[in-house]
């Protein structure tokens, strides 16, 4: 990992949606959103939003999905993504979440494994997350699903 950078995580609202959508589209991790789906956070460096991450709660379950982690290429390997994962994990845990899940490309397995996530075939997903839209949508079939108990 590169040298740690100083940065602060900020809670996002609709004012930040344009910059968050830019990151999501530029990083090719999804389509632009009309609104933030659940709590979202961002990192601003030199007055520019350079990273974002969302959390989507699964209604009536003690589960949540880590969504839209994006860090601009020039700011990767400085701990920003890791801190955004732990920030969302801590937030989810305070809200009573017991299982975190995510969909990711296979080349990011090790990144998430180092942070406590395990790959899980869709058919073996816990009932609390099995039918979540992200894990059933055709668009995400090429992605691996990973889970972590917290």
N, C-alpha and C. Protein backbone atom coordinates (compact mmCIF):
# COMPACT_ATOMS: atom_id res chain seq x y z
N UNK A 1 0.84 -1.18 0.00
CA UNK A 1 0.00 0.00 0.00
C UNK A 1 0.88 1.23 0.00
N UNK A 2 0.42 2.28 -0.65
CA UNK A 2 1.15 3.54 -0.70
C UNK A 2 1.10 4.24 0.64
N UNK A 3 1.67 5.41 0.68
CA UNK A 3 1.69 6.20 1.89
C UNK A 3 0.27 6.63 2.27
N UNK A 4 -0.04 6.55 3.57
CA UNK A 4 -1.37 6.97 4.04
C UNK A 4 -1.55 8.47 3.79
N UNK A 5 -2.75 8.82 3.38
CA UNK A 5 -3.09 10.22 3.15
C UNK A 5 -3.98 10.70 4.29
N UNK A 6 -3.95 11.99 4.54
CA UNK A 6 -4.89 12.59 5.47
C UNK A 6 -6.16 12.93 4.71
N UNK A 7 -7.28 12.46 5.22
CA UNK A 7 -8.56 12.76 4.60
C UNK A 7 -9.66 12.60 5.64
N UNK A 8 -10.80 13.14 5.34
CA UNK A 8 -11.95 13.06 6.22
C UNK A 8 -13.12 12.50 5.44
N UNK A 9 -13.89 11.66 6.11
CA UNK A 9 -15.11 11.11 5.50
C UNK A 9 -16.27 12.03 5.85
N UNK A 10 -17.07 12.35 4.83
CA UNK A 10 -18.21 13.25 5.00
C UNK A 10 -19.49 12.51 4.64
N UNK A 11 -20.58 12.82 5.31
CA UNK A 11 -21.89 12.26 4.99
C UNK A 11 -22.41 12.98 3.74
N UNK A 12 -22.86 12.21 2.78
CA UNK A 12 -23.35 12.78 1.52
C UNK A 12 -24.85 13.08 1.62
N UNK A 13 -25.27 14.03 0.81
CA UNK A 13 -26.69 14.30 0.61
C UNK A 13 -26.90 14.62 -0.87
N UNK A 14 -28.09 15.04 -1.23
CA UNK A 14 -28.42 15.22 -2.65
C UNK A 14 -27.51 16.23 -3.34
N UNK A 15 -26.91 17.16 -2.59
CA UNK A 15 -25.98 18.13 -3.19
C UNK A 15 -24.75 17.45 -3.79
N UNK A 16 -24.42 16.26 -3.31
CA UNK A 16 -23.20 15.56 -3.73
C UNK A 16 -23.48 14.52 -4.82
N UNK A 17 -24.73 14.37 -5.21
CA UNK A 17 -25.13 13.31 -6.14
C UNK A 17 -24.42 13.40 -7.49
N UNK A 18 -24.23 14.60 -8.03
CA UNK A 18 -23.57 14.74 -9.33
C UNK A 18 -22.15 14.19 -9.26
N UNK A 19 -21.39 14.54 -8.22
CA UNK A 19 -20.02 14.05 -8.08
C UNK A 19 -19.97 12.54 -7.81
N UNK A 20 -20.91 12.05 -7.00
CA UNK A 20 -20.96 10.62 -6.73
C UNK A 20 -21.28 9.85 -8.00
N UNK A 21 -22.24 10.34 -8.78
CA UNK A 21 -22.57 9.69 -10.06
C UNK A 21 -21.38 9.71 -11.01
N UNK A 22 -20.62 10.80 -11.01
CA UNK A 22 -19.42 10.87 -11.87
C UNK A 22 -18.44 9.75 -11.49
N UNK A 23 -18.22 9.55 -10.21
CA UNK A 23 -17.32 8.48 -9.77
C UNK A 23 -17.85 7.10 -10.16
N UNK A 24 -19.13 6.87 -9.92
CA UNK A 24 -19.73 5.57 -10.22
C UNK A 24 -19.63 5.25 -11.71
N UNK A 25 -19.90 6.23 -12.56
CA UNK A 25 -19.83 6.01 -14.00
C UNK A 25 -18.38 5.89 -14.46
N UNK A 26 -17.50 6.78 -13.99
CA UNK A 26 -16.08 6.73 -14.38
C UNK A 26 -15.42 5.41 -13.98
N UNK A 27 -15.80 4.88 -12.83
CA UNK A 27 -15.21 3.63 -12.34
C UNK A 27 -15.92 2.40 -12.91
N UNK A 28 -16.98 2.65 -13.69
CA UNK A 28 -17.75 1.56 -14.33
C UNK A 28 -18.32 0.57 -13.31
N UNK A 29 -18.86 1.11 -12.21
CA UNK A 29 -19.43 0.22 -11.19
C UNK A 29 -20.95 0.35 -11.08
N UNK A 30 -21.55 1.08 -11.99
CA UNK A 30 -22.99 1.18 -11.95
C UNK A 30 -23.50 2.32 -12.82
N UNK A 31 -24.80 2.46 -12.79
CA UNK A 31 -25.49 3.52 -13.54
C UNK A 31 -25.70 4.72 -12.62
N UNK A 32 -25.83 5.90 -13.21
CA UNK A 32 -26.11 7.08 -12.38
C UNK A 32 -27.41 6.88 -11.59
N UNK A 33 -27.44 7.42 -10.39
CA UNK A 33 -28.61 7.30 -9.52
C UNK A 33 -29.41 8.60 -9.56
N UNK A 34 -30.71 8.49 -9.39
CA UNK A 34 -31.57 9.67 -9.29
C UNK A 34 -31.57 10.22 -7.87
N UNK A 35 -31.28 9.35 -6.92
CA UNK A 35 -31.20 9.73 -5.52
C UNK A 35 -30.28 8.74 -4.81
N UNK A 36 -29.83 9.12 -3.64
CA UNK A 36 -28.97 8.23 -2.86
C UNK A 36 -29.83 7.14 -2.23
N UNK A 37 -29.46 5.89 -2.47
CA UNK A 37 -30.18 4.76 -1.90
C UNK A 37 -29.54 4.38 -0.58
N UNK A 38 -30.02 4.93 0.50
CA UNK A 38 -29.43 4.67 1.80
C UNK A 38 -28.31 5.65 2.09
N UNK A 39 -27.69 5.50 3.25
CA UNK A 39 -26.62 6.44 3.61
C UNK A 39 -25.43 6.32 2.67
N UNK A 40 -24.82 7.45 2.41
CA UNK A 40 -23.67 7.54 1.50
C UNK A 40 -22.64 8.45 2.14
N UNK A 41 -21.37 8.17 1.85
CA UNK A 41 -20.28 8.99 2.35
C UNK A 41 -19.32 9.29 1.21
N UNK A 42 -18.52 10.33 1.40
CA UNK A 42 -17.54 10.67 0.38
C UNK A 42 -16.28 11.22 1.04
N UNK A 43 -15.21 11.22 0.25
CA UNK A 43 -13.94 11.81 0.66
C UNK A 43 -13.63 12.92 -0.32
N UNK A 44 -13.31 14.08 0.21
CA UNK A 44 -12.95 15.23 -0.62
C UNK A 44 -11.48 15.55 -0.36
N UNK A 45 -10.73 15.69 -1.42
CA UNK A 45 -9.32 16.09 -1.34
C UNK A 45 -9.14 17.24 -2.32
N UNK A 46 -8.48 18.29 -1.86
CA UNK A 46 -8.27 19.49 -2.69
C UNK A 46 -9.58 19.97 -3.32
N UNK A 47 -10.62 20.01 -2.50
CA UNK A 47 -11.92 20.53 -2.91
C UNK A 47 -12.59 19.71 -4.02
N UNK A 48 -12.21 18.45 -4.16
CA UNK A 48 -12.78 17.56 -5.18
C UNK A 48 -13.18 16.24 -4.52
N UNK A 49 -14.35 15.75 -4.81
CA UNK A 49 -14.78 14.44 -4.29
C UNK A 49 -14.04 13.37 -5.07
N UNK A 50 -13.22 12.58 -4.36
CA UNK A 50 -12.36 11.59 -5.01
C UNK A 50 -12.74 10.15 -4.66
N UNK A 51 -13.67 9.99 -3.73
CA UNK A 51 -14.09 8.64 -3.34
C UNK A 51 -15.49 8.71 -2.76
N UNK A 52 -16.20 7.58 -2.89
CA UNK A 52 -17.55 7.50 -2.31
C UNK A 52 -17.84 6.06 -1.95
N UNK A 53 -18.86 5.89 -1.12
CA UNK A 53 -19.29 4.56 -0.72
C UNK A 53 -20.69 4.65 -0.12
N UNK A 54 -21.53 3.67 -0.45
CA UNK A 54 -22.89 3.65 0.06
C UNK A 54 -23.17 2.40 0.88
N UNK A 55 -24.29 2.42 1.55
CA UNK A 55 -24.74 1.29 2.36
C UNK A 55 -26.24 1.16 2.13
N UNK A 56 -26.68 -0.02 1.74
CA UNK A 56 -28.10 -0.26 1.51
C UNK A 56 -28.59 -1.29 2.51
N UNK A 57 -29.54 -0.90 3.34
CA UNK A 57 -30.09 -1.81 4.33
C UNK A 57 -31.15 -2.70 3.67
N UNK A 58 -31.16 -3.96 4.03
CA UNK A 58 -32.19 -4.88 3.53
C UNK A 58 -33.33 -4.81 4.54
N UNK A 59 -34.51 -4.33 4.10
CA UNK A 59 -35.63 -4.14 5.04
C UNK A 59 -35.98 -5.41 5.81
N UNK A 60 -36.28 -5.22 7.08
CA UNK A 60 -36.73 -6.30 7.97
C UNK A 60 -35.71 -7.41 8.16
N UNK A 61 -34.46 -7.13 7.88
CA UNK A 61 -33.40 -8.11 8.08
C UNK A 61 -32.27 -7.43 8.86
N UNK A 62 -31.43 -8.20 9.46
CA UNK A 62 -30.26 -7.64 10.13
C UNK A 62 -29.07 -7.74 9.18
N UNK A 63 -29.31 -7.20 7.96
CA UNK A 63 -28.31 -7.31 6.90
C UNK A 63 -28.26 -6.01 6.10
N UNK A 64 -27.09 -5.76 5.53
CA UNK A 64 -26.91 -4.58 4.68
C UNK A 64 -25.92 -4.93 3.57
N UNK A 65 -25.96 -4.13 2.52
CA UNK A 65 -25.10 -4.34 1.36
C UNK A 65 -24.18 -3.13 1.20
N UNK A 66 -22.89 -3.40 1.09
CA UNK A 66 -21.93 -2.35 0.78
C UNK A 66 -22.04 -2.09 -0.71
N UNK A 67 -22.31 -0.84 -1.06
CA UNK A 67 -22.54 -0.50 -2.47
C UNK A 67 -21.67 0.67 -2.90
N UNK A 68 -21.32 0.67 -4.16
CA UNK A 68 -20.69 1.81 -4.82
C UNK A 68 -19.41 2.32 -4.17
N UNK A 69 -18.52 1.44 -3.81
CA UNK A 69 -17.21 1.90 -3.35
C UNK A 69 -16.40 2.28 -4.58
N UNK A 70 -16.05 3.56 -4.66
CA UNK A 70 -15.28 4.06 -5.79
C UNK A 70 -14.22 5.02 -5.29
N UNK A 71 -12.99 4.80 -5.73
CA UNK A 71 -11.87 5.69 -5.40
C UNK A 71 -11.18 6.02 -6.72
N UNK A 72 -11.02 7.31 -7.00
CA UNK A 72 -10.33 7.69 -8.23
C UNK A 72 -8.95 7.05 -8.26
N UNK A 73 -8.54 6.65 -9.45
CA UNK A 73 -7.31 5.88 -9.63
C UNK A 73 -6.09 6.51 -8.95
N UNK A 74 -5.90 7.80 -9.10
CA UNK A 74 -4.70 8.44 -8.54
C UNK A 74 -4.71 8.47 -7.00
N UNK A 75 -5.86 8.17 -6.38
CA UNK A 75 -5.95 8.19 -4.92
C UNK A 75 -6.04 6.79 -4.31
N UNK A 76 -5.89 5.78 -5.12
CA UNK A 76 -5.93 4.40 -4.62
C UNK A 76 -4.62 4.04 -3.93
N UNK A 77 -4.69 3.01 -3.09
CA UNK A 77 -3.54 2.47 -2.37
C UNK A 77 -3.01 3.44 -1.31
N UNK A 78 -3.94 4.25 -0.78
CA UNK A 78 -3.60 5.17 0.32
C UNK A 78 -4.52 4.96 1.52
N UNK A 79 -5.28 3.86 1.52
CA UNK A 79 -6.14 3.54 2.65
C UNK A 79 -7.55 4.10 2.60
N UNK A 80 -7.89 4.84 1.57
CA UNK A 80 -9.21 5.46 1.50
C UNK A 80 -10.31 4.40 1.41
N UNK A 81 -10.17 3.44 0.51
CA UNK A 81 -11.18 2.39 0.37
C UNK A 81 -11.33 1.58 1.64
N UNK A 82 -10.23 1.24 2.27
CA UNK A 82 -10.28 0.46 3.52
C UNK A 82 -11.02 1.23 4.61
N UNK A 83 -10.72 2.51 4.74
CA UNK A 83 -11.38 3.32 5.77
C UNK A 83 -12.88 3.44 5.47
N UNK A 84 -13.24 3.58 4.20
CA UNK A 84 -14.66 3.65 3.85
C UNK A 84 -15.37 2.33 4.16
N UNK A 85 -14.71 1.21 3.99
CA UNK A 85 -15.31 -0.09 4.35
C UNK A 85 -15.54 -0.16 5.86
N UNK A 86 -14.54 0.18 6.63
CA UNK A 86 -14.68 0.10 8.09
C UNK A 86 -15.68 1.13 8.61
N UNK A 87 -15.73 2.29 8.00
CA UNK A 87 -16.70 3.31 8.41
C UNK A 87 -18.12 2.77 8.22
N UNK A 88 -18.39 2.16 7.07
CA UNK A 88 -19.72 1.61 6.80
C UNK A 88 -20.00 0.42 7.70
N UNK A 89 -18.99 -0.39 7.96
CA UNK A 89 -19.16 -1.55 8.84
C UNK A 89 -19.55 -1.09 10.24
N UNK A 90 -18.84 -0.12 10.77
CA UNK A 90 -19.15 0.40 12.11
C UNK A 90 -20.55 1.00 12.16
N UNK A 91 -20.92 1.76 11.13
CA UNK A 91 -22.25 2.37 11.06
C UNK A 91 -23.32 1.27 11.05
N UNK A 92 -23.14 0.26 10.21
CA UNK A 92 -24.10 -0.84 10.10
C UNK A 92 -24.23 -1.59 11.43
N UNK A 93 -23.11 -1.84 12.06
CA UNK A 93 -23.12 -2.57 13.34
C UNK A 93 -23.92 -1.78 14.38
N UNK A 94 -23.74 -0.47 14.43
CA UNK A 94 -24.49 0.37 15.38
C UNK A 94 -26.00 0.33 15.08
N UNK A 95 -26.36 0.03 13.84
CA UNK A 95 -27.78 -0.05 13.45
C UNK A 95 -28.34 -1.47 13.62
N UNK A 96 -27.55 -2.38 14.18
CA UNK A 96 -28.03 -3.74 14.44
C UNK A 96 -27.79 -4.74 13.33
N UNK A 97 -27.02 -4.37 12.32
CA UNK A 97 -26.73 -5.29 11.22
C UNK A 97 -25.77 -6.38 11.69
N UNK A 98 -26.03 -7.60 11.26
CA UNK A 98 -25.17 -8.74 11.62
C UNK A 98 -24.43 -9.31 10.42
N UNK A 99 -24.97 -9.09 9.21
CA UNK A 99 -24.33 -9.60 8.00
C UNK A 99 -24.19 -8.48 6.98
N UNK A 100 -22.97 -8.33 6.46
CA UNK A 100 -22.71 -7.41 5.36
C UNK A 100 -22.47 -8.23 4.12
N UNK A 101 -22.95 -7.75 2.99
CA UNK A 101 -22.73 -8.45 1.73
C UNK A 101 -22.34 -7.42 0.67
N UNK A 102 -21.76 -7.91 -0.41
CA UNK A 102 -21.41 -7.04 -1.52
C UNK A 102 -21.23 -7.87 -2.78
N UNK A 103 -21.33 -7.20 -3.90
CA UNK A 103 -21.03 -7.82 -5.19
C UNK A 103 -19.80 -7.11 -5.74
N UNK A 104 -18.84 -7.88 -6.23
CA UNK A 104 -17.61 -7.27 -6.71
C UNK A 104 -17.04 -8.09 -7.86
N UNK A 105 -16.16 -7.46 -8.60
CA UNK A 105 -15.47 -8.19 -9.66
C UNK A 105 -14.41 -9.10 -9.03
N UNK A 106 -14.10 -10.17 -9.71
CA UNK A 106 -13.22 -11.19 -9.17
C UNK A 106 -11.82 -10.66 -8.84
N UNK A 107 -11.35 -9.66 -9.58
CA UNK A 107 -10.00 -9.16 -9.34
C UNK A 107 -9.89 -8.39 -8.02
N UNK A 108 -11.03 -8.13 -7.36
CA UNK A 108 -10.99 -7.46 -6.06
C UNK A 108 -11.17 -8.41 -4.88
N UNK A 109 -11.20 -9.72 -5.14
CA UNK A 109 -11.34 -10.72 -4.07
C UNK A 109 -10.39 -10.45 -2.92
N UNK A 110 -9.11 -10.36 -3.23
CA UNK A 110 -8.11 -10.25 -2.17
C UNK A 110 -8.27 -8.97 -1.36
N UNK A 111 -8.63 -7.89 -2.02
CA UNK A 111 -8.88 -6.62 -1.32
C UNK A 111 -9.92 -6.83 -0.23
N UNK A 112 -11.04 -7.47 -0.57
CA UNK A 112 -12.11 -7.68 0.40
C UNK A 112 -11.79 -8.81 1.38
N UNK A 113 -11.10 -9.85 0.93
CA UNK A 113 -10.72 -10.93 1.85
C UNK A 113 -9.84 -10.40 2.98
N UNK A 114 -8.94 -9.50 2.67
CA UNK A 114 -8.08 -8.91 3.70
C UNK A 114 -8.89 -8.10 4.71
N UNK A 115 -10.12 -7.77 4.36
CA UNK A 115 -10.98 -6.98 5.24
C UNK A 115 -12.10 -7.82 5.84
N UNK A 116 -11.90 -9.15 5.83
CA UNK A 116 -12.81 -10.05 6.53
C UNK A 116 -13.96 -10.63 5.74
N UNK A 117 -14.03 -10.37 4.44
CA UNK A 117 -15.11 -10.91 3.62
C UNK A 117 -14.72 -12.26 3.03
N UNK A 118 -15.74 -13.09 2.80
CA UNK A 118 -15.54 -14.41 2.19
C UNK A 118 -16.45 -14.52 0.97
N UNK A 119 -15.94 -15.18 -0.06
CA UNK A 119 -16.80 -15.41 -1.23
C UNK A 119 -17.89 -16.40 -0.84
N UNK A 120 -19.02 -16.27 -1.50
CA UNK A 120 -20.15 -17.14 -1.20
C UNK A 120 -20.95 -17.35 -2.48
N UNK A 121 -21.09 -18.60 -2.93
CA UNK A 121 -21.95 -18.83 -4.10
C UNK A 121 -23.36 -18.33 -3.80
N UNK A 122 -24.01 -17.77 -4.80
CA UNK A 122 -25.35 -17.20 -4.59
C UNK A 122 -26.31 -18.20 -3.96
N UNK A 123 -26.23 -19.45 -4.36
CA UNK A 123 -27.16 -20.45 -3.83
C UNK A 123 -26.94 -20.71 -2.33
N UNK A 124 -25.76 -20.35 -1.81
CA UNK A 124 -25.45 -20.57 -0.39
C UNK A 124 -25.58 -19.31 0.46
N UNK A 125 -26.05 -18.23 -0.15
CA UNK A 125 -26.19 -16.98 0.61
C UNK A 125 -27.19 -17.16 1.75
N UNK A 126 -26.96 -16.49 2.85
CA UNK A 126 -27.96 -16.52 3.93
C UNK A 126 -29.29 -16.00 3.43
N UNK A 127 -30.37 -16.51 3.97
CA UNK A 127 -31.71 -16.10 3.55
C UNK A 127 -31.90 -14.59 3.66
N UNK A 128 -31.22 -13.96 4.61
CA UNK A 128 -31.38 -12.53 4.83
C UNK A 128 -30.93 -11.68 3.64
N UNK A 129 -30.05 -12.23 2.80
CA UNK A 129 -29.55 -11.46 1.65
C UNK A 129 -29.79 -12.12 0.30
N UNK A 130 -30.17 -13.38 0.30
CA UNK A 130 -30.27 -14.17 -0.94
C UNK A 130 -31.10 -13.50 -2.04
N UNK A 131 -32.21 -12.89 -1.70
CA UNK A 131 -33.10 -12.33 -2.72
C UNK A 131 -32.92 -10.84 -2.94
N UNK A 132 -31.87 -10.27 -2.40
CA UNK A 132 -31.62 -8.85 -2.60
C UNK A 132 -31.37 -8.61 -4.08
N UNK A 133 -31.91 -7.52 -4.62
CA UNK A 133 -31.89 -7.27 -6.06
C UNK A 133 -30.49 -7.37 -6.67
N UNK A 134 -29.48 -6.90 -5.97
CA UNK A 134 -28.13 -6.90 -6.53
C UNK A 134 -27.60 -8.32 -6.76
N UNK A 135 -28.10 -9.27 -5.99
CA UNK A 135 -27.61 -10.64 -6.11
C UNK A 135 -28.46 -11.49 -7.04
N UNK A 136 -29.55 -10.92 -7.55
CA UNK A 136 -30.39 -11.65 -8.49
C UNK A 136 -30.40 -11.00 -9.88
N UNK A 137 -29.98 -9.75 -9.99
CA UNK A 137 -30.01 -9.02 -11.27
C UNK A 137 -29.02 -9.61 -12.26
N UNK A 138 -29.45 -9.72 -13.50
CA UNK A 138 -28.60 -10.24 -14.56
C UNK A 138 -27.32 -9.42 -14.69
N UNK A 139 -27.44 -8.12 -14.54
CA UNK A 139 -26.29 -7.22 -14.68
C UNK A 139 -25.12 -7.61 -13.77
N UNK A 140 -25.42 -8.15 -12.61
CA UNK A 140 -24.38 -8.46 -11.62
C UNK A 140 -24.00 -9.94 -11.58
N UNK A 141 -24.49 -10.72 -12.54
CA UNK A 141 -24.18 -12.16 -12.54
C UNK A 141 -22.68 -12.43 -12.71
N UNK A 142 -21.96 -11.52 -13.37
CA UNK A 142 -20.51 -11.71 -13.55
C UNK A 142 -19.73 -11.38 -12.28
N UNK A 143 -20.40 -10.74 -11.35
CA UNK A 143 -19.73 -10.35 -10.10
C UNK A 143 -19.78 -11.48 -9.09
N UNK A 144 -18.78 -11.49 -8.23
CA UNK A 144 -18.77 -12.43 -7.11
C UNK A 144 -19.53 -11.80 -5.96
N UNK A 145 -20.13 -12.62 -5.14
CA UNK A 145 -20.79 -12.15 -3.94
C UNK A 145 -19.91 -12.52 -2.76
N UNK A 146 -19.74 -11.56 -1.87
CA UNK A 146 -18.92 -11.79 -0.67
C UNK A 146 -19.73 -11.35 0.54
N UNK A 147 -19.50 -12.02 1.67
CA UNK A 147 -20.23 -11.69 2.90
C UNK A 147 -19.25 -11.62 4.07
N UNK A 148 -19.71 -10.94 5.11
CA UNK A 148 -18.93 -10.82 6.34
C UNK A 148 -19.90 -10.67 7.49
N UNK A 149 -19.70 -11.50 8.50
CA UNK A 149 -20.50 -11.35 9.73
C UNK A 149 -19.84 -10.29 10.58
N UNK A 150 -20.68 -9.43 11.18
CA UNK A 150 -20.10 -8.38 12.04
C UNK A 150 -20.71 -8.44 13.43
